[in-house]
Amino acid sequence: MIQKPLLPIFFLLVFLLAETFNVQSQTLPPPLPPSMDQRIGRRVIPPLTTGFHSKKFYKEYDPSGRNKQIVIWSNLPRVEFVIIGWALHGNRTIVDPLRLDEIFQEQHFTPTYTSADEEGVLRSSKILGANAVVFAHTTVRREKGSSPAVFNMRVAVWEVSVETGEVQWKGTAVTAYPGFTPEQALSLYVELAIAHALCRVEGGYQWIESSIGIRGGCKKDPGV
């Protein structure tokens, strides 16, 4: 969640992220973010990713985003900003975090920003009329004695239905990231985790992992 003194910065970043995502899509089906291939193999070492979505996710998916209200819950503000940009690009309505804070107080719920929050966040989101919650959890650890610095980073992003409690989709990205600070790679890893989770393999697409010199992503399967 975002503290009240940070709200002006928060809304500025929301606007900037919305503009960033408002670019021409490549071969990715909606609501995926645009390809980030131009950043692979330059300053960022691509991660290993995993992802899946439920069989009924795209059957119920409305590209217009009508009547889709979501809550975003992340243990890192920077990751939250990236997910906000993705959500706005998909025409989703984001529940005001201040309203969520009010419900927390009424429910006497104190968030810990760990996996233990999931039940309380879902309960409060249902009171606000949200359809789903997008959770994100990021861990960044520096390996002891590493020189240059090596950071082990893992990003997990998943969406849960408020009504049923079922996981709609989930993506992860993990790597050992030497040299640069993790913040330089964090937004790309979030985007790739979401993209892998939402890659429409049942619609003739396949996920290809990126590596140095290889542009991966969600690509049209030539064999279909």
Protein backbone atom coordinates (compact mmCIF):
# COMPACT_ATOMS: atom_id res chain seq x y z
CA MET A 1 0.00 0.00 0.00
CA ILE A 2 1.04 3.62 -0.57
CA GLN A 3 1.21 6.07 2.30
CA LYS A 4 -0.76 9.31 2.02
CA PRO A 5 2.30 11.66 1.76
CA LEU A 6 3.38 9.74 -1.35
CA LEU A 7 0.05 10.05 -3.20
CA PRO A 8 1.07 13.00 -5.46
CA ILE A 9 4.15 11.07 -6.60
CA PHE A 10 1.99 7.95 -6.93
CA PHE A 11 -0.48 9.55 -9.34
CA LEU A 12 2.35 11.13 -11.36
CA LEU A 13 3.95 7.71 -11.80
CA VAL A 14 0.57 6.21 -12.71
CA PHE A 15 0.30 8.74 -15.55
CA LEU A 16 3.84 8.11 -16.76
CA LEU A 17 3.39 4.34 -16.68
CA ALA A 18 0.12 4.59 -18.59
CA GLU A 19 1.93 6.54 -21.31
CA THR A 20 4.78 4.02 -21.32
CA PHE A 21 2.42 1.10 -21.94
CA ASN A 22 0.43 2.99 -24.58
CA VAL A 23 2.60 1.86 -27.49
CA GLN A 24 2.00 -0.39 -30.44
CA SER A 25 1.78 -4.06 -29.44
CA GLN A 26 3.78 -6.67 -31.29
CA THR A 27 2.38 -10.21 -31.59
CA LEU A 28 1.19 -10.39 -28.00
CA PRO A 29 -2.52 -10.96 -27.39
CA PRO A 30 -4.28 -8.53 -25.03
CA PRO A 31 -4.03 -7.74 -22.15
CA LEU A 32 -0.28 -8.32 -22.27
CA PRO A 33 2.19 -5.44 -22.09
CA PRO A 34 4.07 -4.59 -25.30
CA SER A 35 7.22 -6.51 -26.12
CA MET A 36 10.28 -5.52 -24.12
CA ASP A 37 12.66 -7.25 -26.55
CA GLN A 38 14.68 -4.07 -27.11
CA ARG A 39 15.86 -4.21 -23.48
CA ILE A 40 16.88 -7.88 -23.53
CA GLY A 41 20.60 -8.48 -23.88
CA ARG A 42 21.65 -4.87 -23.38
CA ARG A 43 21.82 -3.77 -19.76
CA VAL A 44 19.61 -6.49 -18.30
CA ILE A 45 20.28 -10.20 -18.06
CA PRO A 46 16.99 -11.92 -18.92
CA PRO A 47 15.40 -14.00 -16.18
CA LEU A 48 14.01 -17.50 -16.17
CA THR A 49 10.23 -17.25 -16.12
CA THR A 50 7.24 -19.46 -15.41
CA GLY A 51 3.59 -18.79 -15.97
CA PHE A 52 0.10 -20.20 -16.29
CA HIS A 53 -3.52 -19.08 -16.43
CA SER A 54 -6.76 -20.90 -15.72
CA LYS A 55 -8.65 -22.54 -18.58
CA LYS A 56 -11.60 -20.19 -18.14
CA PHE A 57 -9.58 -16.96 -17.87
CA TYR A 58 -9.77 -16.00 -21.54
CA LYS A 59 -13.30 -17.38 -21.88
CA GLU A 60 -14.41 -14.75 -19.37
CA TYR A 61 -11.94 -12.06 -20.42
CA ASP A 62 -13.42 -8.81 -21.70
CA PRO A 63 -10.82 -6.76 -23.66
CA SER A 64 -12.78 -3.57 -23.01
CA GLY A 65 -12.12 -3.88 -19.28
CA ARG A 66 -15.75 -3.06 -18.49
CA ASN A 67 -16.83 -3.89 -14.95
CA LYS A 68 -13.33 -5.07 -14.03
CA GLN A 69 -12.21 -3.53 -10.76
CA ILE A 70 -9.00 -4.73 -9.19
CA VAL A 71 -6.96 -4.17 -6.08
CA ILE A 72 -3.17 -4.22 -6.38
CA TRP A 73 -1.20 -5.50 -3.43
CA SER A 74 2.60 -5.57 -3.50
CA ASN A 75 5.39 -5.61 -0.95
CA LEU A 76 7.40 -3.15 -3.10
CA PRO A 77 6.00 0.20 -4.35
CA ARG A 78 8.05 0.07 -7.57
CA VAL A 79 6.50 -3.26 -8.51
CA GLU A 80 3.07 -1.84 -7.71
CA PHE A 81 3.67 1.05 -10.12
CA VAL A 82 4.55 -1.38 -12.94
CA ILE A 83 1.37 -3.40 -12.33
CA ILE A 84 -0.67 -0.20 -12.30
CA GLY A 85 0.66 0.63 -15.76
CA TRP A 86 -0.24 -2.85 -17.01
CA ALA A 87 -3.73 -2.62 -15.50
CA LEU A 88 -4.44 0.78 -17.03
CA HIS A 89 -3.23 -0.47 -20.40
CA GLY A 90 -5.85 -3.21 -20.10
CA ASN A 91 -8.59 -0.66 -19.28
CA ARG A 92 -9.06 -1.99 -15.77
CA THR A 93 -10.30 0.17 -12.92
CA ILE A 94 -8.01 0.28 -9.89
CA VAL A 95 -9.63 0.55 -6.49
CA ASP A 96 -8.50 3.65 -4.58
CA PRO A 97 -5.92 2.50 -1.99
CA LEU A 98 -7.29 5.02 0.51
CA ARG A 99 -10.66 3.25 0.42
CA LEU A 100 -8.87 -0.02 1.10
CA ASP A 101 -7.12 1.56 4.09
CA GLU A 102 -10.49 2.60 5.50
CA ILE A 103 -11.81 -0.96 5.23
CA PHE A 104 -8.66 -2.28 6.89
CA GLN A 105 -9.31 -0.02 9.85
CA GLU A 106 -12.95 -1.08 10.07
CA GLN A 107 -11.92 -4.74 9.91
CA HIS A 108 -9.08 -4.21 12.42
CA PHE A 109 -6.72 -5.68 9.85
CA THR A 110 -3.03 -4.77 10.01
CA PRO A 111 -1.15 -5.74 6.83
CA THR A 112 2.28 -7.34 7.09
CA TYR A 113 3.11 -7.26 3.35
CA THR A 114 3.69 -11.01 3.40
CA SER A 115 1.70 -13.98 2.10
CA ALA A 116 -0.26 -13.89 5.35
CA ASP A 117 -2.10 -10.81 4.05
CA GLU A 118 -3.91 -12.61 1.23
CA GLU A 119 -7.07 -13.60 3.10
CA GLY A 120 -7.54 -10.18 4.71
CA VAL A 121 -6.92 -8.30 1.45
CA LEU A 122 -9.41 -10.51 -0.42
CA ARG A 123 -12.05 -10.02 2.29
CA SER A 124 -11.62 -6.25 2.29
CA SER A 125 -11.57 -6.10 -1.53
CA LYS A 126 -14.89 -7.94 -1.68
CA ILE A 127 -16.47 -5.32 0.59
CA LEU A 128 -15.32 -2.65 -1.88
CA GLY A 129 -16.86 -4.51 -4.82
CA ALA A 130 -13.58 -5.46 -6.49
CA ASN A 131 -13.55 -8.40 -8.89
CA ALA A 132 -9.97 -9.48 -8.34
CA VAL A 133 -6.75 -8.78 -6.48
CA VAL A 134 -3.37 -8.74 -8.20
CA PHE A 135 -0.77 -9.77 -5.67
CA ALA A 136 2.98 -9.34 -6.10
CA HIS A 137 5.85 -10.47 -3.93
CA THR A 138 9.47 -9.62 -4.64
CA THR A 139 12.62 -10.77 -2.89
CA VAL A 140 16.09 -9.34 -3.54
CA ARG A 141 19.13 -10.75 -1.76
CA ARG A 142 22.79 -10.03 -2.27
CA GLU A 143 25.09 -13.02 -2.23
CA LYS A 144 27.59 -12.77 0.60
CA GLY A 145 31.13 -12.03 -0.48
CA SER A 146 30.21 -11.47 -4.13
CA SER A 147 32.38 -9.01 -6.05
CA PRO A 148 31.10 -7.49 -8.19
CA ALA A 149 27.79 -7.61 -6.40
CA VAL A 150 25.47 -10.47 -7.35
CA PHE A 151 21.81 -10.13 -6.44
CA ASN A 152 19.41 -13.04 -6.36
CA MET A 153 16.03 -11.67 -7.34
CA ARG A 154 12.61 -13.33 -7.58
CA VAL A 155 9.36 -11.70 -8.66
CA ALA A 156 5.96 -13.41 -8.42
CA VAL A 157 2.74 -11.83 -9.67
CA TRP A 158 -0.68 -13.47 -9.56
CA GLU A 159 -4.35 -12.58 -9.80
CA VAL A 160 -7.00 -14.05 -7.49
CA SER A 161 -10.76 -13.93 -8.00
CA VAL A 162 -12.42 -12.16 -5.08
CA GLU A 163 -15.60 -14.19 -5.55
CA THR A 164 -14.12 -17.70 -5.71
CA GLY A 165 -10.62 -17.31 -4.26
CA GLU A 166 -9.19 -19.09 -7.31
CA VAL A 167 -5.89 -18.08 -8.86
CA GLN A 168 -6.69 -16.73 -12.33
CA TRP A 169 -3.08 -16.56 -13.45
CA LYS A 170 0.43 -16.48 -12.01
CA GLY A 171 3.86 -15.63 -13.36
CA THR A 172 7.35 -15.62 -11.89
CA ALA A 173 10.76 -14.35 -12.94
CA VAL A 174 13.99 -15.29 -11.20
CA THR A 175 17.69 -14.79 -11.85
CA ALA A 176 21.09 -14.02 -10.38
CA TYR A 177 21.73 -10.46 -11.53
CA PRO A 178 25.40 -9.45 -11.40
CA GLY A 179 26.86 -5.99 -11.48
CA PHE A 180 23.97 -3.55 -11.75
CA THR A 181 21.51 -2.64 -9.04
CA PRO A 182 18.32 -4.77 -9.05
CA GLU A 183 16.14 -1.71 -9.61
CA GLN A 184 17.44 -1.51 -13.18
CA ALA A 185 15.92 -4.92 -13.95
CA LEU A 186 12.90 -5.00 -11.67
CA SER A 187 10.27 -3.48 -13.96
CA LEU A 188 11.29 -5.72 -16.87
CA TYR A 189 11.06 -8.83 -14.69
CA VAL A 190 7.55 -7.90 -13.55
CA GLU A 191 6.45 -7.37 -17.14
CA LEU A 192 7.93 -10.69 -18.28
CA ALA A 193 6.32 -12.58 -15.40
CA ILE A 194 2.90 -11.18 -16.35
CA ALA A 195 3.48 -11.78 -20.05
CA HIS A 196 4.40 -15.43 -19.49
CA ALA A 197 1.37 -15.99 -17.28
CA LEU A 198 -1.00 -14.52 -19.88
CA CYS A 199 0.61 -16.01 -23.00
CA ARG A 200 -2.34 -17.52 -24.83
CA VAL A 201 -0.91 -20.94 -25.65
CA GLU A 202 -4.40 -22.30 -26.28
CA GLY A 203 -4.81 -19.64 -28.98
CA GLY A 204 -1.80 -20.59 -31.07
CA TYR A 205 0.93 -18.79 -29.16
CA GLN A 206 4.05 -20.14 -27.48
CA TRP A 207 6.38 -18.74 -24.84
CA ILE A 208 10.07 -18.47 -25.76
CA GLU A 209 12.58 -17.62 -23.05
CA SER A 210 14.87 -14.71 -23.83
CA SER A 211 18.63 -14.94 -23.60
CA ILE A 212 21.57 -12.88 -24.79
CA GLY A 213 21.03 -12.43 -28.52
CA ILE A 214 17.66 -14.21 -28.54
CA ARG A 215 14.45 -12.20 -28.45
CA GLY A 216 11.89 -14.25 -26.64
CA GLY A 217 8.38 -13.59 -25.40
CA CYS A 218 4.89 -14.67 -26.39
CA LYS A 219 5.16 -15.49 -30.08
CA LYS A 220 2.77 -16.88 -32.67
CA ASP A 221 3.46 -20.60 -32.97
CA PRO A 222 4.54 -21.18 -36.59
CA GLY A 223 3.36 -24.77 -36.37
CA VAL A 224 -0.28 -23.75 -35.70
